[in-house]
N, C-alpha and C. Protein backbone atom coordinates (compact mmCIF):
# COMPACT_ATOMS: atom_id res chain seq x y z
N UNK A 1 108.21 39.32 149.13
CA UNK A 1 109.25 40.00 148.84
C UNK A 1 108.97 40.42 147.77
N UNK A 2 108.54 41.62 147.01
CA UNK A 2 108.04 42.32 146.14
C UNK A 2 109.01 42.01 144.93
N UNK A 3 109.02 41.96 143.74
CA UNK A 3 110.17 41.40 142.62
C UNK A 3 110.39 42.70 142.00
N UNK A 4 111.06 43.31 141.58
CA UNK A 4 111.77 44.15 141.08
C UNK A 4 111.31 44.32 139.60
N UNK A 5 110.99 45.55 139.05
CA UNK A 5 110.71 45.48 137.57
C UNK A 5 112.02 45.01 136.32
N UNK A 6 111.73 44.58 135.33
CA UNK A 6 112.92 44.89 133.96
C UNK A 6 113.15 46.28 133.96
N UNK A 7 113.91 46.50 133.08
CA UNK A 7 114.32 47.95 132.54
C UNK A 7 113.46 48.62 131.89
N UNK A 8 112.61 47.40 131.03
CA UNK A 8 111.53 48.90 130.29
C UNK A 8 110.70 48.38 130.91
N UNK A 9 109.92 47.74 131.47
CA UNK A 9 107.90 47.42 131.56
C UNK A 9 107.90 48.46 132.25
N UNK A 10 107.09 49.25 131.66
CA UNK A 10 106.10 50.03 131.35
C UNK A 10 105.20 49.68 130.50
N UNK A 11 103.97 50.79 131.10
CA UNK A 11 102.88 50.71 129.88
C UNK A 11 102.83 51.42 128.30
N UNK A 12 103.26 52.83 129.18
CA UNK A 12 103.35 53.62 127.94
C UNK A 12 104.33 54.95 128.32
N UNK A 13 105.84 55.00 127.50
CA UNK A 13 106.61 55.83 127.66
C UNK A 13 106.89 57.00 126.89
N UNK A 14 106.49 58.42 127.24
CA UNK A 14 106.50 59.48 125.95
C UNK A 14 107.85 60.41 126.77
N UNK A 15 108.75 60.31 126.12
CA UNK A 15 109.88 61.40 126.61
C UNK A 15 110.57 62.48 125.39
N UNK A 16 110.45 63.63 125.78
CA UNK A 16 110.83 64.60 124.57
C UNK A 16 112.07 65.08 124.86
N UNK A 17 113.03 66.17 123.97
CA UNK A 17 113.96 66.25 124.39
C UNK A 17 113.97 68.00 123.75
N UNK A 18 114.63 68.90 124.30
CA UNK A 18 115.30 70.15 123.82
C UNK A 18 116.24 70.81 123.98
N UNK A 19 116.92 71.23 123.28
CA UNK A 19 117.93 71.96 123.36
C UNK A 19 118.21 73.48 122.31
N UNK A 20 119.09 74.32 122.94
CA UNK A 20 119.31 75.50 122.24
C UNK A 20 120.87 75.92 122.64
N UNK A 21 121.45 76.57 121.80
CA UNK A 21 123.37 76.97 122.00
C UNK A 21 122.60 77.90 121.03
N UNK A 22 123.72 79.40 121.80
CA UNK A 22 123.40 80.33 121.08
C UNK A 22 124.93 81.01 121.18
N UNK A 23 125.72 81.44 120.36
CA UNK A 23 126.86 81.39 119.97
C UNK A 23 126.63 83.39 119.44
N UNK A 24 127.98 84.22 120.45
CA UNK A 24 127.87 85.45 119.79
C UNK A 24 129.04 85.59 119.87
N UNK A 25 129.58 87.05 119.47
CA UNK A 25 130.94 87.59 118.92
C UNK A 25 131.58 87.78 117.83
N UNK A 26 132.87 86.92 117.17
CA UNK A 26 132.77 86.69 116.11
C UNK A 26 131.96 85.80 115.19
N UNK A 27 131.58 85.43 115.77
CA UNK A 27 130.36 84.25 114.74
C UNK A 27 129.10 83.95 115.44
N UNK A 28 128.31 84.43 114.95
CA UNK A 28 126.74 84.70 115.67
C UNK A 28 126.32 83.61 115.08
N UNK A 29 125.66 82.59 116.38
CA UNK A 29 124.68 81.21 115.71
C UNK A 29 124.28 80.63 116.37
N UNK A 30 123.02 80.68 116.10
CA UNK A 30 122.38 79.81 117.26
C UNK A 30 121.34 78.24 116.68
N UNK A 31 121.41 77.13 117.84
CA UNK A 31 121.41 75.61 117.23
C UNK A 31 120.04 75.29 118.11
N UNK A 32 118.94 75.05 117.58
CA UNK A 32 118.02 74.12 118.02
C UNK A 32 117.52 72.94 117.69
N UNK A 33 117.68 72.04 118.43
CA UNK A 33 117.12 70.62 118.75
C UNK A 33 116.55 69.82 119.00
N UNK A 34 115.31 69.40 118.65
CA UNK A 34 114.46 69.13 119.54
C UNK A 34 113.65 67.77 118.67
N UNK A 35 113.44 66.77 119.82
CA UNK A 35 113.11 64.80 119.71
C UNK A 35 112.16 64.36 120.42
N UNK A 36 111.45 63.80 120.05
CA UNK A 36 110.08 63.13 120.73
C UNK A 36 110.16 61.47 120.84
N UNK A 37 110.07 61.10 121.42
CA UNK A 37 110.30 59.35 121.70
C UNK A 37 109.17 58.28 122.59
N UNK A 38 108.28 57.91 121.44
CA UNK A 38 107.06 57.45 122.06
C UNK A 38 107.11 56.04 122.21
N UNK A 39 107.16 54.94 123.07
CA UNK A 39 107.48 53.44 123.15
C UNK A 39 106.52 53.01 123.86
N UNK A 40 106.16 51.10 124.14
CA UNK A 40 105.18 50.68 124.40
C UNK A 40 105.45 49.63 124.08
N UNK A 41 105.34 48.75 125.60
CA UNK A 41 105.36 47.98 125.76
C UNK A 41 103.84 46.97 125.71
N UNK A 42 103.47 46.22 124.92
CA UNK A 42 101.99 45.26 124.97
C UNK A 42 102.24 44.25 125.08
N UNK A 43 101.05 43.38 125.24
CA UNK A 43 100.95 41.98 125.36
C UNK A 43 101.80 41.09 124.50
N UNK A 44 101.37 40.93 123.12
CA UNK A 44 102.39 40.56 122.23
C UNK A 44 102.53 41.60 121.00
N UNK A 45 102.64 43.28 121.80
CA UNK A 45 103.40 43.63 120.67
C UNK A 45 104.56 45.04 121.15
N UNK A 46 105.35 45.42 120.66
CA UNK A 46 105.90 46.60 121.11
C UNK A 46 106.11 47.45 120.25
N UNK A 47 106.48 49.12 120.53
CA UNK A 47 106.49 49.55 119.30
C UNK A 47 107.31 50.76 119.54
N UNK A 48 108.10 51.50 118.80
CA UNK A 48 108.84 52.86 119.32
C UNK A 48 108.43 53.93 118.44
N UNK A 49 108.08 54.72 118.27
CA UNK A 49 107.90 55.88 117.09
C UNK A 49 109.08 57.16 117.78
N UNK A 50 110.20 57.51 116.88
CA UNK A 50 110.33 58.67 117.08
C UNK A 50 110.78 60.08 115.78
N UNK A 51 110.52 60.92 116.52
CA UNK A 51 110.81 62.40 115.34
C UNK A 51 111.79 63.47 116.04
N UNK A 52 112.75 63.58 115.21
CA UNK A 52 114.09 64.40 115.60
C UNK A 52 114.17 65.49 114.63
N UNK A 53 114.35 66.53 115.04
CA UNK A 53 114.63 67.77 114.70
C UNK A 53 115.60 68.85 114.97
N UNK A 54 116.55 69.60 113.80
CA UNK A 54 117.44 70.02 114.44
C UNK A 54 117.85 71.42 113.41
N UNK A 55 117.82 72.37 114.00
CA UNK A 55 117.74 73.78 113.27
C UNK A 55 118.94 75.11 113.96
N UNK A 56 119.77 74.95 112.89
CA UNK A 56 121.13 75.84 113.01
C UNK A 56 120.74 77.17 112.08
N UNK A 57 121.19 78.35 112.32
CA UNK A 57 121.24 79.81 111.66
C UNK A 57 121.95 80.54 112.42
N UNK A 58 123.13 81.09 111.17
CA UNK A 58 124.25 81.39 111.10
C UNK A 58 124.11 83.23 110.63
N UNK A 59 125.01 83.81 110.95
CA UNK A 59 125.11 85.16 110.60
C UNK A 59 125.71 84.94 109.08
N UNK A 60 125.60 85.15 108.31
CA UNK A 60 125.96 85.38 106.78
C UNK A 60 126.27 86.69 106.29
N UNK A 61 126.92 87.09 105.23
CA UNK A 61 127.12 88.27 104.16
C UNK A 61 126.05 88.12 102.99
N UNK A 62 125.16 88.55 102.73
CA UNK A 62 124.20 87.98 101.42
C UNK A 62 124.56 89.56 100.77
N UNK A 63 124.55 89.47 99.46
CA UNK A 63 124.50 90.75 98.45
C UNK A 63 124.97 92.14 99.51
N UNK A 64 126.11 91.93 100.37
CA UNK A 64 126.26 93.49 101.27
C UNK A 64 125.77 93.46 102.54
N UNK A 65 124.76 92.63 102.77
CA UNK A 65 124.38 92.95 103.98
C UNK A 65 124.96 91.41 104.86
N UNK A 66 124.52 91.73 105.85
CA UNK A 66 124.77 90.70 106.97
C UNK A 66 122.77 90.22 107.53
N UNK A 67 123.03 88.87 106.88
CA UNK A 67 121.68 88.43 107.55
C UNK A 67 121.85 87.36 108.10
N UNK A 68 120.35 86.70 109.17
CA UNK A 68 120.69 85.25 109.27
C UNK A 68 119.94 84.56 108.39
N UNK A 69 120.95 83.60 108.54
CA UNK A 69 120.13 82.44 107.18
C UNK A 69 120.60 81.04 107.63
N UNK A 70 119.49 79.84 107.26
CA UNK A 70 119.74 78.85 107.65
C UNK A 70 121.01 78.33 107.65
N UNK A 71 121.40 77.35 108.26
CA UNK A 71 123.12 76.52 107.78
C UNK A 71 122.80 74.81 108.07
N UNK A 72 121.58 74.91 108.56
CA UNK A 72 121.33 73.61 109.05
C UNK A 72 120.12 73.24 108.83
N UNK A 73 119.53 72.13 108.50
CA UNK A 73 118.06 71.88 108.88
C UNK A 73 117.49 70.50 108.66
N UNK A 74 117.37 69.98 109.27
CA UNK A 74 117.04 68.30 109.35
C UNK A 74 115.67 67.53 110.13
N UNK A 75 115.51 66.52 109.41
CA UNK A 75 114.20 66.03 110.36
C UNK A 75 113.70 65.15 109.81
N UNK A 76 113.93 63.98 111.15
CA UNK A 76 114.11 62.20 111.13
C UNK A 76 113.54 61.74 111.56
N UNK A 77 112.55 61.00 110.91
CA UNK A 77 111.29 60.34 111.24
C UNK A 77 111.37 58.56 111.16
N UNK A 78 110.99 58.04 112.62
CA UNK A 78 111.05 56.48 112.06
C UNK A 78 109.87 55.85 113.42
N UNK A 79 110.22 54.68 112.92
CA UNK A 79 108.86 53.71 113.71
C UNK A 79 109.46 52.24 113.27
N UNK A 80 109.37 51.80 114.68
CA UNK A 80 109.34 50.20 114.78
C UNK A 80 108.06 49.62 115.31
N UNK A 81 107.52 48.49 115.13
CA UNK A 81 106.67 47.08 115.45
C UNK A 81 107.45 46.18 115.43
N UNK A 82 107.99 45.55 116.56
CA UNK A 82 107.60 43.76 117.00
C UNK A 82 106.89 43.06 117.56
N UNK A 83 106.26 42.12 116.57
CA UNK A 83 105.46 41.11 117.26
C UNK A 83 106.32 40.26 117.75
N UNK A 84 105.88 40.09 118.99
CA UNK A 84 106.48 38.94 120.18
C UNK A 84 105.75 37.66 119.89
N UNK A 85 107.04 36.54 119.96
CA UNK A 85 106.57 35.14 119.49
C UNK A 85 106.80 34.59 120.71
N UNK A 86 106.63 32.97 120.84
CA UNK A 86 106.30 32.64 122.23
C UNK A 86 107.41 33.01 122.85
N UNK A 87 108.53 33.14 122.88
CA UNK A 87 109.68 33.11 123.92
C UNK A 87 109.32 34.92 123.42
N UNK A 88 108.95 36.21 124.74
CA UNK A 88 108.93 37.06 124.06
C UNK A 88 110.15 37.92 123.88
N UNK A 89 111.18 37.36 124.35
CA UNK A 89 112.42 38.00 124.12
C UNK A 89 112.92 38.16 122.63
N UNK A 90 111.84 36.99 121.35
CA UNK A 90 112.44 36.73 120.17
C UNK A 90 110.81 37.62 119.81
N UNK A 91 111.49 38.41 118.58
CA UNK A 91 110.47 39.16 118.04
C UNK A 91 110.72 38.88 116.77
N UNK A 92 109.28 39.79 115.88
CA UNK A 92 109.55 39.99 114.65
C UNK A 92 109.43 41.10 114.58
N UNK A 93 110.13 41.93 113.69
CA UNK A 93 110.11 43.73 113.40
C UNK A 93 109.63 44.20 111.81
N UNK A 94 108.88 45.29 111.72
CA UNK A 94 109.22 45.86 110.46
C UNK A 94 108.96 47.23 111.30
N UNK A 95 109.99 47.98 110.56
CA UNK A 95 111.09 49.37 109.98
C UNK A 95 110.83 50.01 109.43
N UNK A 96 110.63 51.46 109.38
CA UNK A 96 110.25 52.50 108.32
C UNK A 96 110.89 53.72 109.31
N UNK A 97 111.80 54.30 107.94
CA UNK A 97 112.52 55.88 108.84
C UNK A 97 112.26 56.77 107.15
N UNK A 98 112.58 57.72 107.44
CA UNK A 98 112.08 59.41 106.81
C UNK A 98 113.36 60.07 107.50
N UNK A 99 114.33 61.19 106.22
CA UNK A 99 114.91 61.67 106.36
C UNK A 99 115.18 62.70 105.30
N UNK A 100 115.02 64.10 105.77
CA UNK A 100 114.88 65.13 105.26
C UNK A 100 116.22 66.18 105.65
N UNK A 101 116.87 66.37 104.96
CA UNK A 101 118.21 67.13 104.90
C UNK A 101 118.31 68.19 104.15
N UNK A 102 117.89 69.60 104.81
CA UNK A 102 117.65 70.87 103.47
C UNK A 102 119.86 70.66 102.92
N UNK A 103 120.47 70.22 103.22
CA UNK A 103 121.65 70.77 103.34
C UNK A 103 122.15 69.54 102.36
N UNK A 104 121.67 68.96 102.18
CA UNK A 104 122.31 67.46 101.28
C UNK A 104 121.88 67.21 100.07
N UNK A 105 122.22 66.05 99.38
CA UNK A 105 122.42 66.14 98.00
C UNK A 105 120.68 65.44 97.67
N UNK A 106 119.63 65.53 98.56
CA UNK A 106 118.77 64.58 98.92
C UNK A 106 117.63 65.65 99.00
N UNK A 107 116.36 65.47 98.15
CA UNK A 107 115.11 65.49 98.67
C UNK A 107 114.83 64.92 100.05
N UNK A 108 114.59 63.98 99.62
CA UNK A 108 114.67 62.95 101.18
C UNK A 108 115.71 61.22 100.74
N UNK A 109 115.14 61.11 101.89
CA UNK A 109 115.71 59.41 101.76
C UNK A 109 114.98 58.58 103.09
N UNK A 110 114.40 56.90 102.49
CA UNK A 110 113.66 56.86 103.12
C UNK A 110 114.10 55.13 103.13
N UNK A 111 113.60 54.64 104.18
CA UNK A 111 113.91 53.07 104.17
C UNK A 111 112.93 52.08 104.57
N UNK A 112 112.29 51.22 104.24
CA UNK A 112 111.62 49.87 105.20
C UNK A 112 112.53 48.85 105.12
N UNK A 113 112.36 48.00 106.43
CA UNK A 113 112.79 46.70 106.54
C UNK A 113 112.19 45.67 107.97
N UNK A 114 112.23 44.22 107.26
CA UNK A 114 111.58 43.50 108.22
C UNK A 114 112.27 42.91 108.25
N UNK A 115 112.66 42.17 109.65
CA UNK A 115 113.04 40.80 110.22
C UNK A 115 113.11 40.52 111.11
N UNK A 116 114.10 39.71 112.20
CA UNK A 116 114.67 39.26 113.27
C UNK A 116 114.66 40.30 114.63
N UNK A 117 113.71 40.19 115.14
CA UNK A 117 114.48 41.28 116.59
C UNK A 117 114.50 40.48 117.92
N UNK A 118 115.51 40.14 119.00
CA UNK A 118 115.62 39.78 119.99
C UNK A 118 116.40 40.49 120.81
N UNK A 119 115.86 40.47 122.58
CA UNK A 119 116.21 40.88 123.39
C UNK A 119 117.12 40.22 124.25
N UNK A 120 118.59 40.48 124.02
CA UNK A 120 119.65 39.14 124.40
C UNK A 120 119.55 39.54 126.57
N UNK A 121 119.21 40.00 126.93
CA UNK A 121 118.97 39.81 128.60
C UNK A 121 117.98 41.45 128.76
N UNK A 122 117.50 41.57 129.73
CA UNK A 122 116.57 42.48 130.15
C UNK A 122 116.17 42.23 131.61
N UNK A 123 116.98 43.34 132.66
CA UNK A 123 117.01 43.28 133.99
C UNK A 123 116.58 44.62 134.73
N UNK A 124 116.99 44.69 136.19
CA UNK A 124 116.60 46.01 136.43
C UNK A 124 117.92 46.85 136.03
N UNK A 125 118.72 46.23 135.82
CA UNK A 125 120.23 47.12 135.82
C UNK A 125 120.80 47.37 134.38
N UNK A 126 120.18 46.85 133.31
CA UNK A 126 120.96 46.76 131.67
C UNK A 126 120.09 46.12 131.03
N UNK A 127 119.75 46.42 129.63
CA UNK A 127 119.21 45.72 128.51
C UNK A 127 120.12 45.72 127.32
N UNK A 128 119.90 45.17 126.44
CA UNK A 128 120.98 44.80 125.38
C UNK A 128 119.67 43.78 124.29
N UNK A 129 119.55 44.54 123.65
CA UNK A 129 118.41 44.13 122.15
C UNK A 129 119.29 44.39 120.85
N UNK A 130 118.78 43.48 119.74
CA UNK A 130 119.16 43.58 118.27
C UNK A 130 118.42 43.92 117.48
N UNK A 131 118.18 43.78 116.10
CA UNK A 131 117.69 43.55 115.37
C UNK A 131 118.43 43.49 113.70
N UNK A 132 117.79 42.65 112.89
CA UNK A 132 118.21 42.83 111.61
C UNK A 132 117.83 41.94 110.53
N UNK A 133 117.72 42.28 109.26
CA UNK A 133 116.55 41.59 108.32
C UNK A 133 116.75 43.09 106.78
N UNK A 134 116.41 42.06 105.74
CA UNK A 134 116.47 43.07 104.36
C UNK A 134 115.39 44.05 104.49
N UNK A 135 115.77 44.74 103.58
CA UNK A 135 114.57 45.64 102.97
C UNK A 135 114.93 46.82 102.12
N UNK A 136 114.43 47.98 101.81
CA UNK A 136 114.39 48.28 100.55
C UNK A 136 114.59 49.98 101.23
N UNK A 137 116.00 50.82 100.31
CA UNK A 137 116.00 51.92 100.47
C UNK A 137 115.68 53.32 99.56
N UNK A 138 115.17 54.09 99.57
CA UNK A 138 114.56 54.90 98.14
C UNK A 138 115.56 56.66 98.70
N UNK A 139 115.40 57.06 97.74
CA UNK A 139 116.52 58.64 97.67
C UNK A 139 115.85 59.37 96.52
N UNK A 140 115.52 60.81 96.91
CA UNK A 140 115.20 61.78 95.67
C UNK A 140 116.11 62.45 95.37
N UNK A 141 117.19 62.24 94.57
CA UNK A 141 117.88 63.64 94.05
C UNK A 141 117.71 64.79 94.14
N UNK A 142 118.85 65.49 94.24
CA UNK A 142 118.36 66.87 94.16
C UNK A 142 118.44 66.62 92.83
N UNK A 143 117.83 67.75 91.91
CA UNK A 143 118.59 67.93 90.23
C UNK A 143 120.27 68.53 90.58
N UNK A 144 121.13 68.64 89.02
CA UNK A 144 122.28 68.49 89.08
C UNK A 144 122.99 68.03 90.27
N UNK A 145 122.85 66.92 90.77
CA UNK A 145 123.87 66.07 91.72
C UNK A 145 124.55 65.34 90.98
N UNK A 146 125.51 65.24 91.43
CA UNK A 146 126.59 63.95 91.30
C UNK A 146 126.63 62.52 92.44
N UNK A 147 125.35 62.66 93.26
CA UNK A 147 125.27 61.36 94.34
C UNK A 147 125.25 60.55 93.80
N UNK A 148 125.45 59.10 94.32
CA UNK A 148 125.18 58.15 93.71
C UNK A 148 123.90 57.40 93.97
N UNK A 149 123.38 56.59 93.34
CA UNK A 149 121.85 56.00 93.17
C UNK A 149 122.00 55.01 94.62
N UNK A 150 120.84 55.66 95.60
CA UNK A 150 120.40 54.99 96.75
C UNK A 150 119.45 53.87 96.70
N UNK A 151 118.78 54.05 95.47
CA UNK A 151 117.57 53.42 95.45
C UNK A 151 117.86 52.08 95.49
N UNK A 152 116.93 50.83 95.79
CA UNK A 152 117.70 49.14 96.08
C UNK A 152 117.31 48.28 97.27
N UNK A 153 118.01 47.16 97.15
CA UNK A 153 117.49 46.53 97.82
C UNK A 153 118.88 46.25 99.76
N UNK A 154 118.39 46.56 100.61
CA UNK A 154 119.31 46.59 101.51
C UNK A 154 119.71 46.02 103.04
N UNK A 155 120.67 45.63 103.75
CA UNK A 155 120.85 45.17 104.62
C UNK A 155 120.85 46.04 105.73
N UNK A 156 119.65 45.86 106.67
CA UNK A 156 119.74 46.87 108.04
C UNK A 156 119.64 46.40 109.46
N UNK A 157 120.81 46.66 110.00
CA UNK A 157 120.88 46.27 111.39
C UNK A 157 121.28 46.98 112.69
N UNK A 158 120.07 46.55 113.55
CA UNK A 158 120.47 47.76 114.92
C UNK A 158 120.92 47.02 116.01
N UNK A 159 121.67 47.96 116.94
CA UNK A 159 121.52 47.38 118.42
C UNK A 159 121.44 48.25 119.54
N UNK A 160 120.55 48.47 120.73
CA UNK A 160 120.81 49.16 121.44
C UNK A 160 121.35 48.57 122.72
N UNK A 161 121.97 49.29 123.75
CA UNK A 161 121.83 48.71 124.94
C UNK A 161 122.11 50.06 125.86
N UNK A 162 121.36 49.54 127.23
CA UNK A 162 121.02 50.93 128.43
C UNK A 162 121.44 50.54 129.61
N UNK A 163 121.89 50.97 130.23
CA UNK A 163 122.66 50.68 131.52
C UNK A 163 122.24 51.47 132.69
N UNK A 164 121.30 51.30 133.74
CA UNK A 164 121.67 52.34 134.90
C UNK A 164 122.56 52.06 135.65
N UNK A 165 124.15 53.07 135.26
CA UNK A 165 124.77 53.49 136.07
C UNK A 165 124.18 53.76 137.62
N UNK A 166 123.40 54.73 138.43
CA UNK A 166 123.42 54.70 139.38
C UNK A 166 121.72 54.74 139.14
N UNK A 167 121.14 55.20 140.39
CA UNK A 167 119.34 55.38 140.38
C UNK A 167 119.10 56.55 139.64
N UNK A 168 120.27 57.70 139.46
CA UNK A 168 119.50 58.89 138.85
C UNK A 168 120.44 59.24 137.21
N UNK A 169 121.33 58.56 137.35
CA UNK A 169 122.13 58.25 135.61
C UNK A 169 122.05 56.81 134.93
N UNK A 170 121.47 57.35 133.70
CA UNK A 170 121.60 56.22 132.64
C UNK A 170 122.37 56.61 131.17
N UNK A 171 123.11 55.12 130.97
CA UNK A 171 124.15 55.22 129.41
C UNK A 171 123.46 54.37 128.59
N UNK A 172 123.29 55.06 127.28
CA UNK A 172 122.74 54.45 126.24
C UNK A 172 123.71 54.57 124.95
N UNK A 173 123.68 53.25 123.88
CA UNK A 173 124.32 53.46 122.84
C UNK A 173 123.44 52.62 122.27
N UNK A 174 123.51 53.16 120.61
CA UNK A 174 122.87 52.68 119.68
C UNK A 174 123.83 52.72 118.57
N UNK A 175 123.69 51.60 117.78
CA UNK A 175 124.29 51.71 116.76
C UNK A 175 122.94 51.11 115.97
N UNK A 176 123.11 51.87 114.49
CA UNK A 176 122.47 50.77 113.30
C UNK A 176 123.23 51.35 112.01
N UNK A 177 122.79 50.02 111.43
CA UNK A 177 123.78 50.33 109.43
C UNK A 177 122.57 50.13 108.93
N UNK A 178 122.36 50.52 107.65
CA UNK A 178 121.76 50.26 106.49
C UNK A 178 122.85 50.14 105.65
N UNK A 179 123.13 48.80 104.68
CA UNK A 179 124.06 48.42 104.03
C UNK A 179 123.48 47.98 102.15
N UNK A 180 124.07 48.36 101.22
CA UNK A 180 124.20 47.25 100.19
C UNK A 180 125.05 46.96 99.25
N UNK A 181 126.16 46.75 98.12
CA UNK A 181 126.72 46.48 98.04
C UNK A 181 127.75 47.67 97.57
N UNK A 182 126.86 48.75 97.31
CA UNK A 182 127.49 50.35 96.73
C UNK A 182 127.68 51.12 97.88
N UNK A 183 126.84 50.85 99.33
CA UNK A 183 126.94 52.18 100.04
C UNK A 183 127.05 51.54 101.17
N UNK A 184 126.87 52.38 102.43
CA UNK A 184 126.24 52.08 103.92
C UNK A 184 125.97 53.50 104.01
N UNK A 185 124.97 53.80 105.09
CA UNK A 185 124.48 54.68 106.05
C UNK A 185 124.64 53.94 107.68
N UNK A 186 125.62 54.54 108.23
CA UNK A 186 125.79 53.95 109.51
C UNK A 186 125.22 55.56 110.87
N UNK A 187 124.57 55.16 111.84
CA UNK A 187 124.57 56.12 112.45
C UNK A 187 124.84 55.32 113.91
N UNK A 188 125.68 56.15 114.91
CA UNK A 188 125.98 55.56 116.22
C UNK A 188 125.58 56.72 117.14
N UNK A 189 124.75 56.63 118.04
CA UNK A 189 124.47 57.86 119.39
C UNK A 189 124.69 57.15 120.72
N UNK A 190 125.73 57.77 121.25
CA UNK A 190 126.04 57.60 122.58
C UNK A 190 125.38 58.61 123.45
N UNK A 191 124.92 58.37 124.86
CA UNK A 191 124.58 59.56 125.50
C UNK A 191 124.63 58.87 126.86
N UNK A 192 124.32 60.07 127.89
CA UNK A 192 124.77 59.93 129.12
C UNK A 192 123.27 60.88 129.65
N UNK A 193 122.44 60.75 130.56
CA UNK A 193 121.31 61.05 130.69
C UNK A 193 120.99 61.23 132.58
N UNK A 194 121.10 62.32 133.24
CA UNK A 194 121.17 62.33 134.58
C UNK A 194 120.14 63.00 135.29
N UNK A 195 118.73 62.27 136.38
CA UNK A 195 117.60 62.96 136.45
C UNK A 195 118.39 64.12 137.42
N UNK A 196 117.09 65.29 137.19
CA UNK A 196 117.40 66.33 137.90
C UNK A 196 116.49 66.56 139.18
N UNK A 197 114.76 66.81 138.70
CA UNK A 197 114.10 66.52 139.65
C UNK A 197 113.14 65.84 138.96
N UNK A 198 112.48 65.42 139.77
CA UNK A 198 111.24 64.04 139.24
C UNK A 198 111.45 63.74 137.93
N UNK A 199 110.59 64.08 136.89
CA UNK A 199 110.47 63.71 135.31
C UNK A 199 111.87 64.11 134.53
N UNK A 200 112.41 65.57 135.37
CA UNK A 200 112.97 66.49 134.42
C UNK A 200 114.80 65.87 134.90
N UNK A 201 115.41 65.90 133.68
CA UNK A 201 116.64 64.95 133.48
C UNK A 201 117.48 65.95 132.44
N UNK A 202 119.02 65.95 132.66
CA UNK A 202 119.75 66.34 131.46
C UNK A 202 120.71 65.41 130.80
N UNK A 203 120.68 65.53 129.54
CA UNK A 203 121.49 64.63 128.75
C UNK A 203 122.40 64.88 127.83
N UNK A 204 123.71 64.51 128.04
CA UNK A 204 124.80 64.62 127.09
C UNK A 204 124.83 63.40 125.74
N UNK A 205 125.07 63.93 125.07
CA UNK A 205 124.68 62.90 123.72
C UNK A 205 125.90 63.32 122.24
N UNK A 206 126.64 62.40 121.86
CA UNK A 206 127.22 62.38 120.90
C UNK A 206 126.43 62.00 119.70
N UNK A 207 126.88 61.84 118.52
CA UNK A 207 125.83 61.18 117.42
C UNK A 207 126.56 61.49 116.10
N UNK A 208 127.38 60.54 115.51
CA UNK A 208 128.10 59.98 114.49
C UNK A 208 127.05 60.00 113.12
N UNK A 209 126.75 60.08 112.07
CA UNK A 209 126.25 59.65 111.02
C UNK A 209 127.06 60.00 109.91
N UNK A 210 127.24 58.36 109.14
CA UNK A 210 128.20 58.27 108.09
C UNK A 210 127.00 57.97 107.00
N UNK A 211 127.75 58.40 105.78
CA UNK A 211 126.97 58.62 104.78
C UNK A 211 128.09 57.92 103.23
N UNK A 212 128.13 56.86 102.96
CA UNK A 212 129.26 56.87 101.96
C UNK A 212 128.50 57.13 100.32
N UNK A 213 127.69 57.29 100.42
CA UNK A 213 127.22 57.55 98.84
C UNK A 213 126.81 59.07 98.72
N UNK A 214 127.64 60.07 99.74
CA UNK A 214 127.60 61.59 99.73
C UNK A 214 128.80 61.53 98.22
N UNK A 215 128.48 63.00 97.62
CA UNK A 215 129.25 63.16 96.17
C UNK A 215 131.07 63.93 97.01
N UNK A 216 131.65 64.10 96.15
CA UNK A 216 133.01 63.68 96.01
C UNK A 216 133.34 65.25 97.59
N UNK A 217 132.41 65.92 97.10
CA UNK A 217 132.79 67.34 97.95
C UNK A 217 132.02 67.69 99.58
N UNK A 218 130.97 66.89 99.29
CA UNK A 218 130.35 66.43 100.90
C UNK A 218 131.61 65.62 101.42
N UNK A 219 131.80 65.88 103.31
CA UNK A 219 132.05 64.88 104.12
C UNK A 219 131.82 63.61 104.22
N UNK A 220 131.56 62.29 104.44
CA UNK A 220 130.96 61.56 104.53
C UNK A 220 130.71 61.38 106.52
N UNK A 221 130.90 61.42 106.85
CA UNK A 221 130.78 61.79 108.55
C UNK A 221 130.43 62.86 109.20
N UNK A 222 129.10 62.90 109.61
CA UNK A 222 128.86 64.40 110.48
C UNK A 222 128.71 64.24 111.99
N UNK A 223 129.04 64.62 112.76
CA UNK A 223 129.46 65.14 113.83
C UNK A 223 128.49 65.42 114.71
N UNK A 224 127.55 65.34 115.38
CA UNK A 224 126.87 66.29 116.16
C UNK A 224 126.86 65.72 118.20
N UNK A 225 127.04 66.95 119.02
CA UNK A 225 127.37 66.85 120.26
C UNK A 225 126.59 67.78 121.04
N UNK A 226 125.71 67.46 121.67
CA UNK A 226 124.42 68.22 122.40
C UNK A 226 123.83 68.14 123.53
N UNK A 227 123.85 68.52 124.63
CA UNK A 227 123.32 68.78 126.02
C UNK A 227 121.91 69.26 125.47
N UNK A 228 121.07 68.71 126.24
CA UNK A 228 119.49 68.54 126.03
C UNK A 228 118.79 68.54 127.47
N UNK A 229 117.97 69.14 127.54
CA UNK A 229 117.24 68.97 128.70
C UNK A 229 115.68 67.91 128.30
N UNK A 230 115.83 66.80 129.06
CA UNK A 230 114.76 65.50 128.57
C UNK A 230 113.80 65.83 129.81
N UNK A 231 112.20 65.71 129.03
CA UNK A 231 111.16 65.30 130.12
C UNK A 231 110.65 64.18 129.60
N UNK A 232 110.18 63.34 131.16
CA UNK A 232 109.44 62.34 130.29
C UNK A 232 108.30 62.41 131.09
N UNK A 233 106.84 62.51 130.06
CA UNK A 233 105.57 62.74 130.00
C UNK A 233 105.09 61.68 130.97
N UNK A 234 105.73 60.76 130.74
CA UNK A 234 104.58 58.86 131.31
C UNK A 234 105.71 57.94 131.24
């Protein structure tokens, strides 16, 4: 009898996502979202590289003329490398991220963390893993802003749960937070992907970003809902 593989037993995974939304009528808006996720499980190491880009263009009146102007532009990059211990479900990790949001109060925000990572279970049906450890956060504020200084030591924690609802559908819940005594940055992503044909799938996702360090004129919570096409190269 052939043993069924675990949830993520694969040499290399390269997954790309692309979504486009066009609204016309009383409001003319277009949004483009793209994401690249590369991960690999090696004998003593595993890693994950993520790139996420969002761009929104809206019709606006400038000097009496109607023009298309950018209303949202965000770039997010992250990487995590895990070193597997004797029990390969227990690992030591190093994580880094970089975010540039054209329409918030920072030129960029970045973080570096290291610590303990563990996979609580992993089988052909589902997987649950978490990581926690200390780190350091850096923020470069825009001139003439009243945002809180977010440079300093932090604690970072993350959790990821994946479950195959059916051979064609997979649910994923990701949650991470970076916190110190003054602020917290939390991200939650809930998604459901359904295979359409071969390596092509459709994904419905809801992303919540909460940042308590914004100034009093900005909302602390940003919400994104998207439907994207997903293609798995490997």
